[in-house]
């Protein structure tokens, strides 16, 4: 179940940034699902959190280049 539901109202009209935002939302939803289900344990939770942080850094670097 999605914690954050992606929809057109979240799009900004820039395909690259919209894709990256959607990817970030998907990873947040993954974290939520893991935590809610109680499955996967702390190791999986940490792996997904690390991926989210790395992707967020990549995303913000992309946004800065576009400014």
PDB file of N, CA and C in Angstrom:
ATOM      1  N   UNK A   1       0.845  -1.184   0.000  1.00  0.00           N
ATOM      2  CA  UNK A   1       0.000   0.000   0.000  1.00  0.00           C
ATOM      3  C   UNK A   1       0.886   1.242   0.000  1.00  0.00           C
ATOM      4  N   UNK A   2       0.580   2.167  -0.833  1.00  0.00           N
ATOM      5  CA  UNK A   2       1.398   3.372  -0.971  1.00  0.00           C
ATOM      6  C   UNK A   2       1.089   4.363   0.149  1.00  0.00           C
ATOM      7  N   UNK A   3       2.137   4.817   0.795  1.00  0.00           N
ATOM      8  CA  UNK A   3       2.015   5.872   1.792  1.00  0.00           C
ATOM      9  C   UNK A   3       1.785   7.204   1.092  1.00  0.00           C
ATOM     10  N   UNK A   4       2.525   7.395  -0.001  1.00  0.00           N
ATOM     11  CA  UNK A   4       2.370   8.585  -0.840  1.00  0.00           C
ATOM     12  C   UNK A   4       1.927   8.098  -2.213  1.00  0.00           C
ATOM     13  N   UNK A   5       0.807   8.572  -2.677  1.00  0.00           N
ATOM     14  CA  UNK A   5       0.309   8.171  -3.994  1.00  0.00           C
ATOM     15  C   UNK A   5       0.747   9.204  -5.024  1.00  0.00           C
ATOM     16  N   UNK A   6       1.499   8.732  -6.004  1.00  0.00           N
ATOM     17  CA  UNK A   6       1.968   9.610  -7.072  1.00  0.00           C
ATOM     18  C   UNK A   6       0.815   9.918  -8.001  1.00  0.00           C
ATOM     19  N   UNK A   7       0.736  11.160  -8.413  1.00  0.00           N
ATOM     20  CA  UNK A   7      -0.277  11.557  -9.369  1.00  0.00           C
ATOM     21  C   UNK A   7       0.174  12.783 -10.128  1.00  0.00           C
ATOM     22  N   UNK A   8      -0.575  13.163 -11.139  1.00  0.00           N
ATOM     23  CA  UNK A   8      -0.217  14.320 -11.959  1.00  0.00           C
ATOM     24  C   UNK A   8      -0.062  15.609 -11.150  1.00  0.00           C
ATOM     25  N   UNK A   9      -0.747  15.685 -10.026  1.00  0.00           N
ATOM     26  CA  UNK A   9      -0.655  16.891  -9.194  1.00  0.00           C
ATOM     27  C   UNK A   9       0.732  17.064  -8.579  1.00  0.00           C
ATOM     28  N   UNK A  10       1.554  16.009  -8.581  1.00  0.00           N
ATOM     29  CA  UNK A  10       2.915  16.094  -8.046  1.00  0.00           C
ATOM     30  C   UNK A  10       3.954  16.396  -9.126  1.00  0.00           C
ATOM     31  N   UNK A  11       3.545  16.369 -10.375  1.00  0.00           N
ATOM     32  CA  UNK A  11       4.476  16.619 -11.477  1.00  0.00           C
ATOM     33  C   UNK A  11       4.734  18.113 -11.626  1.00  0.00           C
ATOM     34  N   UNK A  12       5.971  18.427 -12.025  1.00  0.00           N
ATOM     35  CA  UNK A  12       6.327  19.835 -12.229  1.00  0.00           C
ATOM     36  C   UNK A  12       6.466  20.178 -13.707  1.00  0.00           C
ATOM     37  N   UNK A  13       6.437  19.164 -14.568  1.00  0.00           N
ATOM     38  CA  UNK A  13       6.515  19.412 -15.998  1.00  0.00           C
ATOM     39  C   UNK A  13       7.898  19.251 -16.597  1.00  0.00           C
ATOM     40  N   UNK A  14       8.855  18.806 -15.806  1.00  0.00           N
ATOM     41  CA  UNK A  14      10.205  18.531 -16.312  1.00  0.00           C
ATOM     42  C   UNK A  14      10.398  17.023 -16.205  1.00  0.00           C
ATOM     43  N   UNK A  15      10.529  16.348 -17.338  1.00  0.00           N
ATOM     44  CA  UNK A  15      10.491  14.885 -17.347  1.00  0.00           C
ATOM     45  C   UNK A  15      11.557  14.243 -16.458  1.00  0.00           C
ATOM     46  N   UNK A  16      12.772  14.770 -16.485  1.00  0.00           N
ATOM     47  CA  UNK A  16      13.843  14.197 -15.668  1.00  0.00           C
ATOM     48  C   UNK A  16      13.548  14.355 -14.183  1.00  0.00           C
ATOM     49  N   UNK A  17      13.164  15.550 -13.785  1.00  0.00           N
ATOM     50  CA  UNK A  17      12.886  15.812 -12.374  1.00  0.00           C
ATOM     51  C   UNK A  17      11.637  15.056 -11.924  1.00  0.00           C
ATOM     52  N   UNK A  18      10.622  15.014 -12.768  1.00  0.00           N
ATOM     53  CA  UNK A  18       9.424  14.251 -12.415  1.00  0.00           C
ATOM     54  C   UNK A  18       9.765  12.773 -12.209  1.00  0.00           C
ATOM     55  N   UNK A  19      10.601  12.235 -13.075  1.00  0.00           N
ATOM     56  CA  UNK A  19      11.021  10.835 -12.937  1.00  0.00           C
ATOM     57  C   UNK A  19      11.767  10.627 -11.624  1.00  0.00           C
ATOM     58  N   UNK A  20      12.670  11.547 -11.320  1.00  0.00           N
ATOM     59  CA  UNK A  20      13.439  11.420 -10.083  1.00  0.00           C
ATOM     60  C   UNK A  20      12.546  11.580  -8.856  1.00  0.00           C
ATOM     61  N   UNK A  21      11.610  12.499  -8.908  1.00  0.00           N
ATOM     62  CA  UNK A  21      10.679  12.657  -7.787  1.00  0.00           C
ATOM     63  C   UNK A  21       9.859  11.380  -7.596  1.00  0.00           C
ATOM     64  N   UNK A  22       9.418  10.817  -8.698  1.00  0.00           N
ATOM     65  CA  UNK A  22       8.628   9.581  -8.609  1.00  0.00           C
ATOM     66  C   UNK A  22       9.469   8.448  -8.020  1.00  0.00           C
ATOM     67  N   UNK A  23      10.735   8.382  -8.405  1.00  0.00           N
ATOM     68  CA  UNK A  23      11.633   7.368  -7.850  1.00  0.00           C
ATOM     69  C   UNK A  23      11.804   7.559  -6.349  1.00  0.00           C
ATOM     70  N   UNK A  24      11.968   8.800  -5.911  1.00  0.00           N
ATOM     71  CA  UNK A  24      12.083   9.085  -4.478  1.00  0.00           C
ATOM     72  C   UNK A  24      10.811   8.681  -3.734  1.00  0.00           C
ATOM     73  N   UNK A  25       9.667   8.986  -4.299  1.00  0.00           N
ATOM     74  CA  UNK A  25       8.393   8.606  -3.680  1.00  0.00           C
ATOM     75  C   UNK A  25       8.286   7.085  -3.589  1.00  0.00           C
ATOM     76  N   UNK A  26       8.698   6.389  -4.634  1.00  0.00           N
ATOM     77  CA  UNK A  26       8.656   4.926  -4.611  1.00  0.00           C
ATOM     78  C   UNK A  26       9.532   4.361  -3.500  1.00  0.00           C
ATOM     79  N   UNK A  27      10.718   4.932  -3.327  1.00  0.00           N
ATOM     80  CA  UNK A  27      11.619   4.449  -2.267  1.00  0.00           C
ATOM     81  C   UNK A  27      11.041   4.754  -0.889  1.00  0.00           C
ATOM     82  N   UNK A  28      10.416   5.908  -0.725  1.00  0.00           N
ATOM     83  CA  UNK A  28       9.755   6.217   0.548  1.00  0.00           C
ATOM     84  C   UNK A  28       8.633   5.218   0.816  1.00  0.00           C
ATOM     85  N   UNK A  29       7.887   4.888  -0.219  1.00  0.00           N
ATOM     86  CA  UNK A  29       6.827   3.892  -0.070  1.00  0.00           C
ATOM     87  C   UNK A  29       7.398   2.518   0.272  1.00  0.00           C
ATOM     88  N   UNK A  30       8.553   2.185  -0.301  1.00  0.00           N
ATOM     89  CA  UNK A  30       9.214   0.922   0.044  1.00  0.00           C
ATOM     90  C   UNK A  30       9.564   0.888   1.529  1.00  0.00           C
ATOM     91  N   UNK A  31      10.129   1.983   2.032  1.00  0.00           N
ATOM     92  CA  UNK A  31      10.455   2.061   3.458  1.00  0.00           C
ATOM     93  C   UNK A  31       9.211   1.875   4.314  1.00  0.00           C
ATOM     94  N   UNK A  32       8.156   2.550   3.937  1.00  0.00           N
ATOM     95  CA  UNK A  32       6.895   2.453   4.674  1.00  0.00           C
ATOM     96  C   UNK A  32       6.379   1.014   4.681  1.00  0.00           C
ATOM     97  N   UNK A  33       6.387   0.381   3.515  1.00  0.00           N
ATOM     98  CA  UNK A  33       5.893  -0.991   3.409  1.00  0.00           C
ATOM     99  C   UNK A  33       6.715  -1.955   4.262  1.00  0.00           C
ATOM    100  N   UNK A  34       8.035  -1.801   4.232  1.00  0.00           N
ATOM    101  CA  UNK A  34       8.906  -2.673   5.027  1.00  0.00           C
ATOM    102  C   UNK A  34       8.609  -2.500   6.512  1.00  0.00           C
ATOM    103  N   UNK A  35       8.510  -1.270   6.935  1.00  0.00           N
ATOM    104  CA  UNK A  35       8.254  -0.990   8.351  1.00  0.00           C
ATOM    105  C   UNK A  35       6.870  -1.492   8.771  1.00  0.00           C
ATOM    106  N   UNK A  36       5.862  -1.253   7.945  1.00  0.00           N
ATOM    107  CA  UNK A  36       4.497  -1.666   8.282  1.00  0.00           C
ATOM    108  C   UNK A  36       4.346  -3.187   8.316  1.00  0.00           C
ATOM    109  N   UNK A  37       5.015  -3.871   7.401  1.00  0.00           N
ATOM    110  CA  UNK A  37       4.864  -5.324   7.313  1.00  0.00           C
ATOM    111  C   UNK A  37       5.643  -6.046   8.402  1.00  0.00           C
ATOM    112  N   UNK A  38       6.685  -5.395   8.908  1.00  0.00           N
ATOM    113  CA  UNK A  38       7.525  -6.051   9.900  1.00  0.00           C
ATOM    114  C   UNK A  38       8.418  -7.120   9.296  1.00  0.00           C
ATOM    115  N   UNK A  39       8.399  -7.218   7.972  1.00  0.00           N
ATOM    116  CA  UNK A  39       9.208  -8.226   7.283  1.00  0.00           C
ATOM    117  C   UNK A  39      10.470  -7.579   6.735  1.00  0.00           C
ATOM    118  N   UNK A  40      11.515  -8.348   6.646  1.00  0.00           N
ATOM    119  CA  UNK A  40      12.755  -7.845   6.074  1.00  0.00           C
ATOM    120  C   UNK A  40      13.756  -7.426   7.122  1.00  0.00           C
ATOM    121  N   UNK A  41      13.273  -7.056   8.278  1.00  0.00           N
ATOM    122  CA  UNK A  41      14.170  -6.724   9.371  1.00  0.00           C
ATOM    123  C   UNK A  41      14.914  -5.420   9.178  1.00  0.00           C
ATOM    124  N   UNK A  42      15.756  -5.157  10.143  1.00  0.00           N
ATOM    125  CA  UNK A  42      16.510  -3.904  10.164  1.00  0.00           C
ATOM    126  C   UNK A  42      17.528  -3.818   9.031  1.00  0.00           C
ATOM    127  N   UNK A  43      18.053  -4.957   8.610  1.00  0.00           N
ATOM    128  CA  UNK A  43      19.057  -4.948   7.541  1.00  0.00           C
ATOM    129  C   UNK A  43      18.442  -4.431   6.249  1.00  0.00           C
ATOM    130  N   UNK A  44      17.296  -4.969   5.866  1.00  0.00           N
ATOM    131  CA  UNK A  44      16.627  -4.518   4.641  1.00  0.00           C
ATOM    132  C   UNK A  44      16.212  -3.061   4.765  1.00  0.00           C
ATOM    133  N   UNK A  45      15.714  -2.689   5.921  1.00  0.00           N
ATOM    134  CA  UNK A  45      15.323  -1.303   6.154  1.00  0.00           C
ATOM    135  C   UNK A  45      16.514  -0.374   5.950  1.00  0.00           C
ATOM    136  N   UNK A  46      17.670  -0.755   6.468  1.00  0.00           N
ATOM    137  CA  UNK A  46      18.872   0.071   6.328  1.00  0.00           C
ATOM    138  C   UNK A  46      19.335   0.139   4.877  1.00  0.00           C
ATOM    139  N   UNK A  47      19.244  -0.969   4.160  1.00  0.00           N
ATOM    140  CA  UNK A  47      19.639  -0.989   2.747  1.00  0.00           C
ATOM    141  C   UNK A  47      18.776  -0.015   1.946  1.00  0.00           C
ATOM    142  N   UNK A  48      17.470  -0.071   2.140  1.00  0.00           N
ATOM    143  CA  UNK A  48      16.562   0.809   1.401  1.00  0.00           C
ATOM    144  C   UNK A  48      16.776   2.260   1.811  1.00  0.00           C
ATOM    145  N   UNK A  49      16.994   2.506   3.092  1.00  0.00           N
ATOM    146  CA  UNK A  49      17.258   3.867   3.558  1.00  0.00           C
ATOM    147  C   UNK A  49      18.547   4.409   2.953  1.00  0.00           C
ATOM    148  N   UNK A  50      19.590   3.588   2.911  1.00  0.00           N
ATOM    149  CA  UNK A  50      20.852   4.011   2.289  1.00  0.00           C
ATOM    150  C   UNK A  50      20.654   4.340   0.811  1.00  0.00           C
ATOM    151  N   UNK A  51      19.882   3.504   0.110  1.00  0.00           N
ATOM    152  CA  UNK A  51      19.595   3.764  -1.303  1.00  0.00           C
ATOM    153  C   UNK A  51      18.836   5.076  -1.469  1.00  0.00           C
ATOM    154  N   UNK A  52      17.894   5.326  -0.578  1.00  0.00           N
ATOM    155  CA  UNK A  52      17.115   6.560  -0.630  1.00  0.00           C
ATOM    156  C   UNK A  52      18.014   7.773  -0.439  1.00  0.00           C
ATOM    157  N   UNK A  53      18.906   7.715   0.519  1.00  0.00           N
ATOM    158  CA  UNK A  53      19.821   8.833   0.777  1.00  0.00           C
ATOM    159  C   UNK A  53      20.726   9.067  -0.429  1.00  0.00           C
ATOM    160  N   UNK A  54      21.287   8.005  -0.983  1.00  0.00           N
ATOM    161  CA  UNK A  54      22.161   8.147  -2.150  1.00  0.00           C
ATOM    162  C   UNK A  54      21.405   8.733  -3.339  1.00  0.00           C
ATOM    163  N   UNK A  55      20.188   8.262  -3.558  1.00  0.00           N
ATOM    164  CA  UNK A  55      19.413   8.772  -4.688  1.00  0.00           C
ATOM    165  C   UNK A  55      19.008  10.221  -4.461  1.00  0.00           C
ATOM    166  N   UNK A  56      18.703  10.576  -3.227  1.00  0.00           N
ATOM    167  CA  UNK A  56      18.354  11.968  -2.916  1.00  0.00           C
ATOM    168  C   UNK A  56      19.541  12.885  -3.199  1.00  0.00           C
ATOM    169  N   UNK A  57      20.739  12.447  -2.844  1.00  0.00           N
ATOM    170  CA  UNK A  57      21.932  13.247  -3.140  1.00  0.00           C
ATOM    171  C   UNK A  57      22.095  13.428  -4.648  1.00  0.00           C
ATOM    172  N   UNK A  58      21.916  12.357  -5.396  1.00  0.00           N
ATOM    173  CA  UNK A  58      21.988  12.418  -6.853  1.00  0.00           C
ATOM    174  C   UNK A  58      20.920  13.369  -7.403  1.00  0.00           C
ATOM    175  N   UNK A  59      19.712  13.244  -6.877  1.00  0.00           N
ATOM    176  CA  UNK A  59      18.606  14.081  -7.334  1.00  0.00           C
ATOM    177  C   UNK A  59      18.879  15.562  -7.084  1.00  0.00           C
ATOM    178  N   UNK A  60      19.324  15.898  -5.877  1.00  0.00           N
ATOM    179  CA  UNK A  60      19.569  17.309  -5.566  1.00  0.00           C
ATOM    180  C   UNK A  60      20.719  17.868  -6.394  1.00  0.00           C
ATOM    181  N   UNK A  61      21.709  17.046  -6.696  1.00  0.00           N
ATOM    182  CA  UNK A  61      22.797  17.482  -7.578  1.00  0.00           C
ATOM    183  C   UNK A  61      22.245  17.771  -8.974  1.00  0.00           C
ATOM    184  N   UNK A  62      21.324  16.940  -9.437  1.00  0.00           N
ATOM    185  CA  UNK A  62      20.686  17.166 -10.736  1.00  0.00           C
ATOM    186  C   UNK A  62      19.917  18.477 -10.736  1.00  0.00           C
ATOM    187  N   UNK A  63      19.143  18.716  -9.681  1.00  0.00           N
ATOM    188  CA  UNK A  63      18.377  19.961  -9.596  1.00  0.00           C
ATOM    189  C   UNK A  63      19.301  21.182  -9.576  1.00  0.00           C
ATOM    190  N   UNK A  64      20.396  21.092  -8.849  1.00  0.00           N
ATOM    191  CA  UNK A  64      21.334  22.218  -8.780  1.00  0.00           C
ATOM    192  C   UNK A  64      21.928  22.530 -10.145  1.00  0.00           C
ATOM    193  N   UNK A  65      22.213  21.502 -10.933  1.00  0.00           N
ATOM    194  CA  UNK A  65      22.759  21.719 -12.278  1.00  0.00           C
ATOM    195  C   UNK A  65      21.759  22.427 -13.184  1.00  0.00           C
ATOM    196  N   UNK A  66      20.485  22.207 -12.930  1.00  0.00           N
ATOM    197  CA  UNK A  66      19.450  22.816 -13.763  1.00  0.00           C
ATOM    198  C   UNK A  66      19.146  24.260 -13.381  1.00  0.00           C
ATOM    199  N   UNK A  67      19.614  24.675 -12.238  1.00  0.00           N
ATOM    200  CA  UNK A  67      19.323  26.044 -11.773  1.00  0.00           C
ATOM    201  C   UNK A  67      20.268  27.041 -12.404  1.00  0.00           C
TER     202      UNK A  67
END
